[in-house]
Amino acid sequence: METYDEAGGLREPGDRLPDVTAIRLVDVCTLCDVPTPPDHAGEKMKHSRSRRSAASEFAETTRANCLGMRVSRLHRMVGRTYDRALQPLGLSVPQVEILSELVTAGGPVRPTALAATLLLERSTLSRNLTLLRDKGWVAPADSSPTGRMMAVAITDSGRAAFADARRAWQGAQDRMTEALGPSAREILDGWVVGLVDAQDQGTQHSPPRPTAK
């Protein structure tokens, strides 16, 4: 039986055949014209290292510069001071805001107007109005067929609860003024107005105050 060498030539009798078991996989792939399988594990490891490096860099950037994080922390610290003072009276900062606007309006106010003035999400406003209504401090002045409050007004007991909260609120106000400085209110008002202007493309300089229906 005739055999041929790797170059295609006829082998002579007595020629030593190659050790097939010694042929490496890469040689087989080369002889068969099959490409070497890609190193997926190596690519995944390299991609993982790149993502970890990018995440670390982004974490340093946010910790050093993010305004949102700083405002959120300020909000939590300041809000906690007021909420702790108001909690014994059954009130929170958003509820004091709502009662304050209803007292100022002097009549029924639509929840959409309250949400716009206080820059609150409607779900947050609805939750707090429900809590205030359950305590008898606000009452629906107009309701939809499904029972949703279309306009609300403060009740006499709500005015009394609001007035009774003044001392607790003043204590928290004094602590925050001492901590943040006497110009804190003007600075914060300026920031709020600036953000409203930016969002409304300069056509609105302050949130609309609710008016009686």
C-alpha atoms as a PDB file:
ATOM      1  CA  MET A   1       0.000   0.000   0.000  1.00  0.00           C
ATOM      2  CA  GLU A   2       1.442   3.340  -1.050  1.00  0.00           C
ATOM      3  CA  THR A   3       1.668   6.139   1.514  1.00  0.00           C
ATOM      4  CA  TYR A   4       2.485   9.782   1.124  1.00  0.00           C
ATOM      5  CA  ASP A   5       4.413  12.218   3.275  1.00  0.00           C
ATOM      6  CA  GLU A   6       3.185  15.604   4.566  1.00  0.00           C
ATOM      7  CA  ALA A   7       4.282  17.340   1.365  1.00  0.00           C
ATOM      8  CA  GLY A   8       2.342  14.912  -0.786  1.00  0.00           C
ATOM      9  CA  GLY A   9       5.328  12.894  -1.953  1.00  0.00           C
ATOM     10  CA  LEU A  10       5.400   9.136  -2.176  1.00  0.00           C
ATOM     11  CA  ARG A  11       6.999   7.501   0.868  1.00  0.00           C
ATOM     12  CA  GLU A  12       9.761   5.017   0.331  1.00  0.00           C
ATOM     13  CA  PRO A  13       9.579   1.614   1.986  1.00  0.00           C
ATOM     14  CA  GLY A  14      11.126   1.794   5.429  1.00  0.00           C
ATOM     15  CA  ASP A  15      10.366   5.508   5.925  1.00  0.00           C
ATOM     16  CA  ARG A  16       9.305   6.207   9.492  1.00  0.00           C
ATOM     17  CA  LEU A  17       5.765   7.352   9.885  1.00  0.00           C
ATOM     18  CA  PRO A  18       5.169  10.472  12.042  1.00  0.00           C
ATOM     19  CA  ASP A  19       4.017  10.022  15.613  1.00  0.00           C
ATOM     20  CA  VAL A  20       0.358  10.958  15.288  1.00  0.00           C
ATOM     21  CA  THR A  21      -0.054  11.353  19.033  1.00  0.00           C
ATOM     22  CA  ALA A  22       2.597  14.075  19.054  1.00  0.00           C
ATOM     23  CA  ILE A  23       0.744  16.305  16.635  1.00  0.00           C
ATOM     24  CA  ARG A  24      -0.614  19.306  18.525  1.00  0.00           C
ATOM     25  CA  LEU A  25      -4.160  20.554  18.189  1.00  0.00           C
ATOM     26  CA  VAL A  26      -2.944  23.734  16.560  1.00  0.00           C
ATOM     27  CA  ASP A  27      -1.070  21.651  13.959  1.00  0.00           C
ATOM     28  CA  VAL A  28      -4.195  19.669  13.204  1.00  0.00           C
ATOM     29  CA  CYS A  29      -6.155  22.871  12.834  1.00  0.00           C
ATOM     30  CA  THR A  30      -3.463  24.222  10.527  1.00  0.00           C
ATOM     31  CA  LEU A  31      -3.360  21.092   8.394  1.00  0.00           C
ATOM     32  CA  CYS A  32      -7.144  21.030   8.188  1.00  0.00           C
ATOM     33  CA  ASP A  33      -7.285  24.771   7.489  1.00  0.00           C
ATOM     34  CA  VAL A  34      -9.484  25.278  10.597  1.00  0.00           C
ATOM     35  CA  PRO A  35      -9.032  28.595  12.501  1.00  0.00           C
ATOM     36  CA  THR A  36      -7.859  28.456  16.122  1.00  0.00           C
ATOM     37  CA  PRO A  37     -10.846  28.801  18.487  1.00  0.00           C
ATOM     38  CA  PRO A  38     -11.098  32.352  19.963  1.00  0.00           C
ATOM     39  CA  ASP A  39     -10.105  32.843  23.596  1.00  0.00           C
ATOM     40  CA  HIS A  40     -13.525  33.838  24.963  1.00  0.00           C
ATOM     41  CA  ALA A  41     -12.423  33.473  28.572  1.00  0.00           C
ATOM     42  CA  GLY A  42      -9.558  35.889  28.044  1.00  0.00           C
ATOM     43  CA  GLU A  43     -11.813  38.414  26.317  1.00  0.00           C
ATOM     44  CA  LYS A  44     -14.357  38.234  29.166  1.00  0.00           C
ATOM     45  CA  MET A  45     -11.627  38.743  31.749  1.00  0.00           C
ATOM     46  CA  LYS A  46     -10.257  41.740  29.878  1.00  0.00           C
ATOM     47  CA  HIS A  47     -13.774  43.217  29.554  1.00  0.00           C
ATOM     48  CA  SER A  48     -14.423  42.616  33.257  1.00  0.00           C
ATOM     49  CA  ARG A  49     -11.218  44.432  34.227  1.00  0.00           C
ATOM     50  CA  SER A  50     -12.187  47.344  31.973  1.00  0.00           C
ATOM     51  CA  ARG A  51     -15.650  47.604  33.541  1.00  0.00           C
ATOM     52  CA  ARG A  52     -14.227  47.495  37.068  1.00  0.00           C
ATOM     53  CA  SER A  53     -11.790  50.259  36.184  1.00  0.00           C
ATOM     54  CA  ALA A  54     -14.563  52.392  34.644  1.00  0.00           C
ATOM     55  CA  ALA A  55     -16.808  51.808  37.683  1.00  0.00           C
ATOM     56  CA  SER A  56     -14.046  52.818  40.094  1.00  0.00           C
ATOM     57  CA  GLU A  57     -13.350  55.992  38.119  1.00  0.00           C
ATOM     58  CA  PHE A  58     -17.062  56.896  37.999  1.00  0.00           C
ATOM     59  CA  ALA A  59     -17.433  56.266  41.744  1.00  0.00           C
ATOM     60  CA  GLU A  60     -14.598  58.688  42.464  1.00  0.00           C
ATOM     61  CA  THR A  61     -16.150  61.279  40.142  1.00  0.00           C
ATOM     62  CA  THR A  62     -19.596  61.096  41.740  1.00  0.00           C
ATOM     63  CA  ARG A  63     -18.217  61.159  45.282  1.00  0.00           C
ATOM     64  CA  ALA A  64     -16.110  64.213  44.481  1.00  0.00           C
ATOM     65  CA  ASN A  65     -18.566  66.206  42.356  1.00  0.00           C
ATOM     66  CA  CYS A  66     -22.209  64.989  42.304  1.00  0.00           C
ATOM     67  CA  LEU A  67     -24.617  67.788  43.232  1.00  0.00           C
ATOM     68  CA  GLY A  68     -27.561  65.393  43.444  1.00  0.00           C
ATOM     69  CA  MET A  69     -25.884  63.326  46.156  1.00  0.00           C
ATOM     70  CA  ARG A  70     -25.048  66.412  48.194  1.00  0.00           C
ATOM     71  CA  VAL A  71     -28.563  67.839  47.937  1.00  0.00           C
ATOM     72  CA  SER A  72     -30.033  64.451  48.884  1.00  0.00           C
ATOM     73  CA  ARG A  73     -27.844  64.254  51.974  1.00  0.00           C
ATOM     74  CA  LEU A  74     -28.691  67.829  52.926  1.00  0.00           C
ATOM     75  CA  HIS A  75     -32.391  67.057  52.449  1.00  0.00           C
ATOM     76  CA  ARG A  76     -32.172  63.994  54.686  1.00  0.00           C
ATOM     77  CA  MET A  77     -30.319  65.803  57.469  1.00  0.00           C
ATOM     78  CA  VAL A  78     -32.490  68.922  57.443  1.00  0.00           C
ATOM     79  CA  GLY A  79     -35.740  67.012  56.966  1.00  0.00           C
ATOM     80  CA  ARG A  80     -34.866  64.656  59.812  1.00  0.00           C
ATOM     81  CA  THR A  81     -34.453  67.619  62.182  1.00  0.00           C
ATOM     82  CA  TYR A  82     -37.896  69.013  61.360  1.00  0.00           C
ATOM     83  CA  ASP A  83     -39.624  65.632  61.282  1.00  0.00           C
ATOM     84  CA  ARG A  84     -38.298  64.709  64.730  1.00  0.00           C
ATOM     85  CA  ALA A  85     -39.620  67.973  66.110  1.00  0.00           C
ATOM     86  CA  LEU A  86     -43.033  67.610  64.444  1.00  0.00           C
ATOM     87  CA  GLN A  87     -43.567  63.877  64.923  1.00  0.00           C
ATOM     88  CA  PRO A  88     -44.975  64.135  68.489  1.00  0.00           C
ATOM     89  CA  LEU A  89     -47.707  66.357  67.037  1.00  0.00           C
ATOM     90  CA  GLY A  90     -48.558  63.864  64.300  1.00  0.00           C
ATOM     91  CA  LEU A  91     -47.113  66.023  61.530  1.00  0.00           C
ATOM     92  CA  SER A  92     -44.325  65.867  58.968  1.00  0.00           C
ATOM     93  CA  VAL A  93     -42.638  68.560  56.890  1.00  0.00           C
ATOM     94  CA  PRO A  94     -44.733  67.874  53.746  1.00  0.00           C
ATOM     95  CA  GLN A  95     -47.932  67.999  55.807  1.00  0.00           C
ATOM     96  CA  VAL A  96     -46.950  71.330  57.359  1.00  0.00           C
ATOM     97  CA  GLU A  97     -46.310  72.616  53.833  1.00  0.00           C
ATOM     98  CA  ILE A  98     -49.747  71.488  52.705  1.00  0.00           C
ATOM     99  CA  LEU A  99     -51.543  73.000  55.701  1.00  0.00           C
ATOM    100  CA  SER A 100     -49.597  76.239  55.290  1.00  0.00           C
ATOM    101  CA  GLU A 101     -50.701  76.586  51.665  1.00  0.00           C
ATOM    102  CA  LEU A 102     -54.314  75.781  52.510  1.00  0.00           C
ATOM    103  CA  VAL A 103     -54.344  78.409  55.283  1.00  0.00           C
ATOM    104  CA  THR A 104     -52.855  80.960  52.887  1.00  0.00           C
ATOM    105  CA  ALA A 105     -55.308  80.113  50.077  1.00  0.00           C
ATOM    106  CA  GLY A 106     -58.315  80.769  52.333  1.00  0.00           C
ATOM    107  CA  GLY A 107     -60.538  78.299  50.493  1.00  0.00           C
ATOM    108  CA  PRO A 108     -60.641  75.025  48.560  1.00  0.00           C
ATOM    109  CA  VAL A 109     -57.581  74.248  46.434  1.00  0.00           C
ATOM    110  CA  ARG A 110     -57.158  71.671  43.706  1.00  0.00           C
ATOM    111  CA  PRO A 111     -54.509  69.030  44.452  1.00  0.00           C
ATOM    112  CA  THR A 112     -52.845  69.671  41.088  1.00  0.00           C
ATOM    113  CA  ALA A 113     -52.245  73.284  42.104  1.00  0.00           C
ATOM    114  CA  LEU A 114     -50.822  72.180  45.456  1.00  0.00           C
ATOM    115  CA  ALA A 115     -48.483  69.686  43.761  1.00  0.00           C
ATOM    116  CA  ALA A 116     -47.230  72.363  41.364  1.00  0.00           C
ATOM    117  CA  THR A 117     -46.636  74.903  44.131  1.00  0.00           C
ATOM    118  CA  LEU A 118     -44.872  72.515  46.483  1.00  0.00           C
ATOM    119  CA  LEU A 119     -43.006  70.712  43.683  1.00  0.00           C
ATOM    120  CA  LEU A 120     -44.361  67.409  44.995  1.00  0.00           C
ATOM    121  CA  GLU A 121     -45.098  64.229  43.094  1.00  0.00           C
ATOM    122  CA  ARG A 122     -48.838  63.690  42.887  1.00  0.00           C
ATOM    123  CA  SER A 123     -48.518  60.324  44.632  1.00  0.00           C
ATOM    124  CA  THR A 124     -46.704  61.981  47.561  1.00  0.00           C
ATOM    125  CA  LEU A 125     -49.323  64.713  47.778  1.00  0.00           C
ATOM    126  CA  SER A 126     -52.185  62.222  47.577  1.00  0.00           C
ATOM    127  CA  ARG A 127     -50.709  60.076  50.350  1.00  0.00           C
ATOM    128  CA  ASN A 128     -50.293  63.052  52.688  1.00  0.00           C
ATOM    129  CA  LEU A 129     -53.729  64.469  51.912  1.00  0.00           C
ATOM    130  CA  THR A 130     -55.222  61.096  52.796  1.00  0.00           C
ATOM    131  CA  LEU A 131     -53.374  61.080  56.132  1.00  0.00           C
ATOM    132  CA  LEU A 132     -54.517  64.630  56.881  1.00  0.00           C
ATOM    133  CA  ARG A 133     -58.088  63.797  55.910  1.00  0.00           C
ATOM    134  CA  ASP A 134     -58.093  60.723  58.156  1.00  0.00           C
ATOM    135  CA  LYS A 135     -57.089  62.976  61.072  1.00  0.00           C
ATOM    136  CA  GLY A 136     -59.866  65.411  60.215  1.00  0.00           C
ATOM    137  CA  TRP A 137     -57.454  68.245  59.385  1.00  0.00           C
ATOM    138  CA  VAL A 138     -58.476  68.626  55.732  1.00  0.00           C
ATOM    139  CA  ALA A 139     -61.752  67.811  54.025  1.00  0.00           C
ATOM    140  CA  PRO A 140     -62.778  67.319  50.388  1.00  0.00           C
ATOM    141  CA  ALA A 141     -64.511  70.353  48.951  1.00  0.00           C
ATOM    142  CA  ASP A 142     -65.234  68.566  45.678  1.00  0.00           C
ATOM    143  CA  SER A 143     -65.005  64.877  44.793  1.00  0.00           C
ATOM    144  CA  SER A 144     -65.150  62.835  41.618  1.00  0.00           C
ATOM    145  CA  PRO A 145     -67.735  60.042  41.157  1.00  0.00           C
ATOM    146  CA  THR A 146     -65.012  57.584  42.197  1.00  0.00           C
ATOM    147  CA  GLY A 147     -64.362  59.456  45.454  1.00  0.00           C
ATOM    148  CA  ARG A 148     -61.121  61.123  44.423  1.00  0.00           C
ATOM    149  CA  MET A 149     -60.588  64.552  46.003  1.00  0.00           C
ATOM    150  CA  MET A 150     -60.879  67.209  43.294  1.00  0.00           C
ATOM    151  CA  ALA A 151     -60.429  70.088  45.752  1.00  0.00           C
ATOM    152  CA  VAL A 152     -59.525  70.222  49.434  1.00  0.00           C
ATOM    153  CA  ALA A 153     -59.824  72.735  52.253  1.00  0.00           C
ATOM    154  CA  ILE A 154     -58.403  72.934  55.743  1.00  0.00           C
ATOM    155  CA  THR A 155     -60.794  72.308  58.622  1.00  0.00           C
ATOM    156  CA  ASP A 156     -61.022  74.146  61.942  1.00  0.00           C
ATOM    157  CA  SER A 157     -59.231  71.289  63.687  1.00  0.00           C
ATOM    158  CA  GLY A 158     -56.591  71.419  60.978  1.00  0.00           C
ATOM    159  CA  ARG A 159     -55.973  75.100  61.670  1.00  0.00           C
ATOM    160  CA  ALA A 160     -55.693  74.335  65.361  1.00  0.00           C
ATOM    161  CA  ALA A 161     -53.200  71.510  64.751  1.00  0.00           C
ATOM    162  CA  PHE A 162     -51.194  73.728  62.448  1.00  0.00           C
ATOM    163  CA  ALA A 163     -51.072  76.552  64.999  1.00  0.00           C
ATOM    164  CA  ASP A 164     -50.079  74.132  67.772  1.00  0.00           C
ATOM    165  CA  ALA A 165     -47.050  73.026  65.714  1.00  0.00           C
ATOM    166  CA  ARG A 166     -45.452  76.457  65.747  1.00  0.00           C
ATOM    167  CA  ARG A 167     -43.253  75.970  68.820  1.00  0.00           C
ATOM    168  CA  ALA A 168     -41.902  72.613  67.602  1.00  0.00           C
ATOM    169  CA  TRP A 169     -41.285  74.019  64.134  1.00  0.00           C
ATOM    170  CA  GLN A 170     -39.520  77.092  65.558  1.00  0.00           C
ATOM    171  CA  GLY A 171     -37.144  74.921  67.562  1.00  0.00           C
ATOM    172  CA  ALA A 172     -36.107  73.000  64.442  1.00  0.00           C
ATOM    173  CA  GLN A 173     -35.884  76.255  62.472  1.00  0.00           C
ATOM    174  CA  ASP A 174     -33.555  77.803  65.047  1.00  0.00           C
ATOM    175  CA  ARG A 175     -31.278  74.739  65.039  1.00  0.00           C
ATOM    176  CA  MET A 176     -31.032  74.700  61.256  1.00  0.00           C
ATOM    177  CA  THR A 177     -30.461  78.454  61.039  1.00  0.00           C
ATOM    178  CA  GLU A 178     -27.623  78.152  63.521  1.00  0.00           C
ATOM    179  CA  ALA A 179     -26.119  75.224  61.631  1.00  0.00           C
ATOM    180  CA  LEU A 180     -26.503  76.589  58.086  1.00  0.00           C
ATOM    181  CA  GLY A 181     -26.211  80.322  58.717  1.00  0.00           C
ATOM    182  CA  PRO A 182     -28.703  83.211  58.664  1.00  0.00           C
ATOM    183  CA  SER A 183     -28.531  83.535  54.860  1.00  0.00           C
ATOM    184  CA  ALA A 184     -29.500  79.884  54.231  1.00  0.00           C
ATOM    185  CA  ARG A 185     -33.111  80.716  53.348  1.00  0.00           C
ATOM    186  CA  GLU A 186     -32.150  83.297  50.723  1.00  0.00           C
ATOM    187  CA  ILE A 187     -29.580  80.936  49.221  1.00  0.00           C
ATOM    188  CA  LEU A 188     -32.045  78.047  49.007  1.00  0.00           C
ATOM    189  CA  ASP A 189     -34.758  80.279  47.551  1.00  0.00           C
ATOM    190  CA  GLY A 190     -32.313  81.419  44.889  1.00  0.00           C
ATOM    191  CA  TRP A 191     -31.465  77.855  43.975  1.00  0.00           C
ATOM    192  CA  VAL A 192     -35.142  76.877  43.708  1.00  0.00           C
ATOM    193  CA  VAL A 193     -36.006  79.869  41.538  1.00  0.00           C
ATOM    194  CA  GLY A 194     -32.972  79.226  39.343  1.00  0.00           C
ATOM    195  CA  LEU A 195     -33.966  75.613  38.782  1.00  0.00           C
ATOM    196  CA  VAL A 196     -37.579  76.536  38.019  1.00  0.00           C
ATOM    197  CA  ASP A 197     -36.339  79.130  35.524  1.00  0.00           C
ATOM    198  CA  ALA A 198     -34.076  76.583  33.865  1.00  0.00           C
ATOM    199  CA  GLN A 199     -36.831  73.959  33.603  1.00  0.00           C
ATOM    200  CA  ASP A 200     -39.365  76.434  32.269  1.00  0.00           C
ATOM    201  CA  GLN A 201     -36.867  78.116  29.910  1.00  0.00           C
ATOM    202  CA  GLY A 202     -36.964  81.354  31.840  1.00  0.00           C
ATOM    203  CA  THR A 203     -40.692  81.944  31.433  1.00  0.00           C
ATOM    204  CA  GLN A 204     -41.599  81.292  35.055  1.00  0.00           C
ATOM    205  CA  HIS A 205     -39.712  82.848  37.955  1.00  0.00           C
ATOM    206  CA  SER A 206     -41.455  81.125  40.851  1.00  0.00           C
ATOM    207  CA  PRO A 207     -43.935  78.308  41.445  1.00  0.00           C
ATOM    208  CA  PRO A 208     -47.580  79.447  41.207  1.00  0.00           C
ATOM    209  CA  ARG A 209     -49.314  79.869  44.525  1.00  0.00           C
ATOM    210  CA  PRO A 210     -52.660  78.075  44.820  1.00  0.00           C
ATOM    211  CA  THR A 211     -55.745  80.228  44.873  1.00  0.00           C
ATOM    212  CA  ALA A 212     -59.118  79.501  46.328  1.00  0.00           C
ATOM    213  CA  LYS A 213     -61.433  77.708  43.939  1.00  0.00           C
END
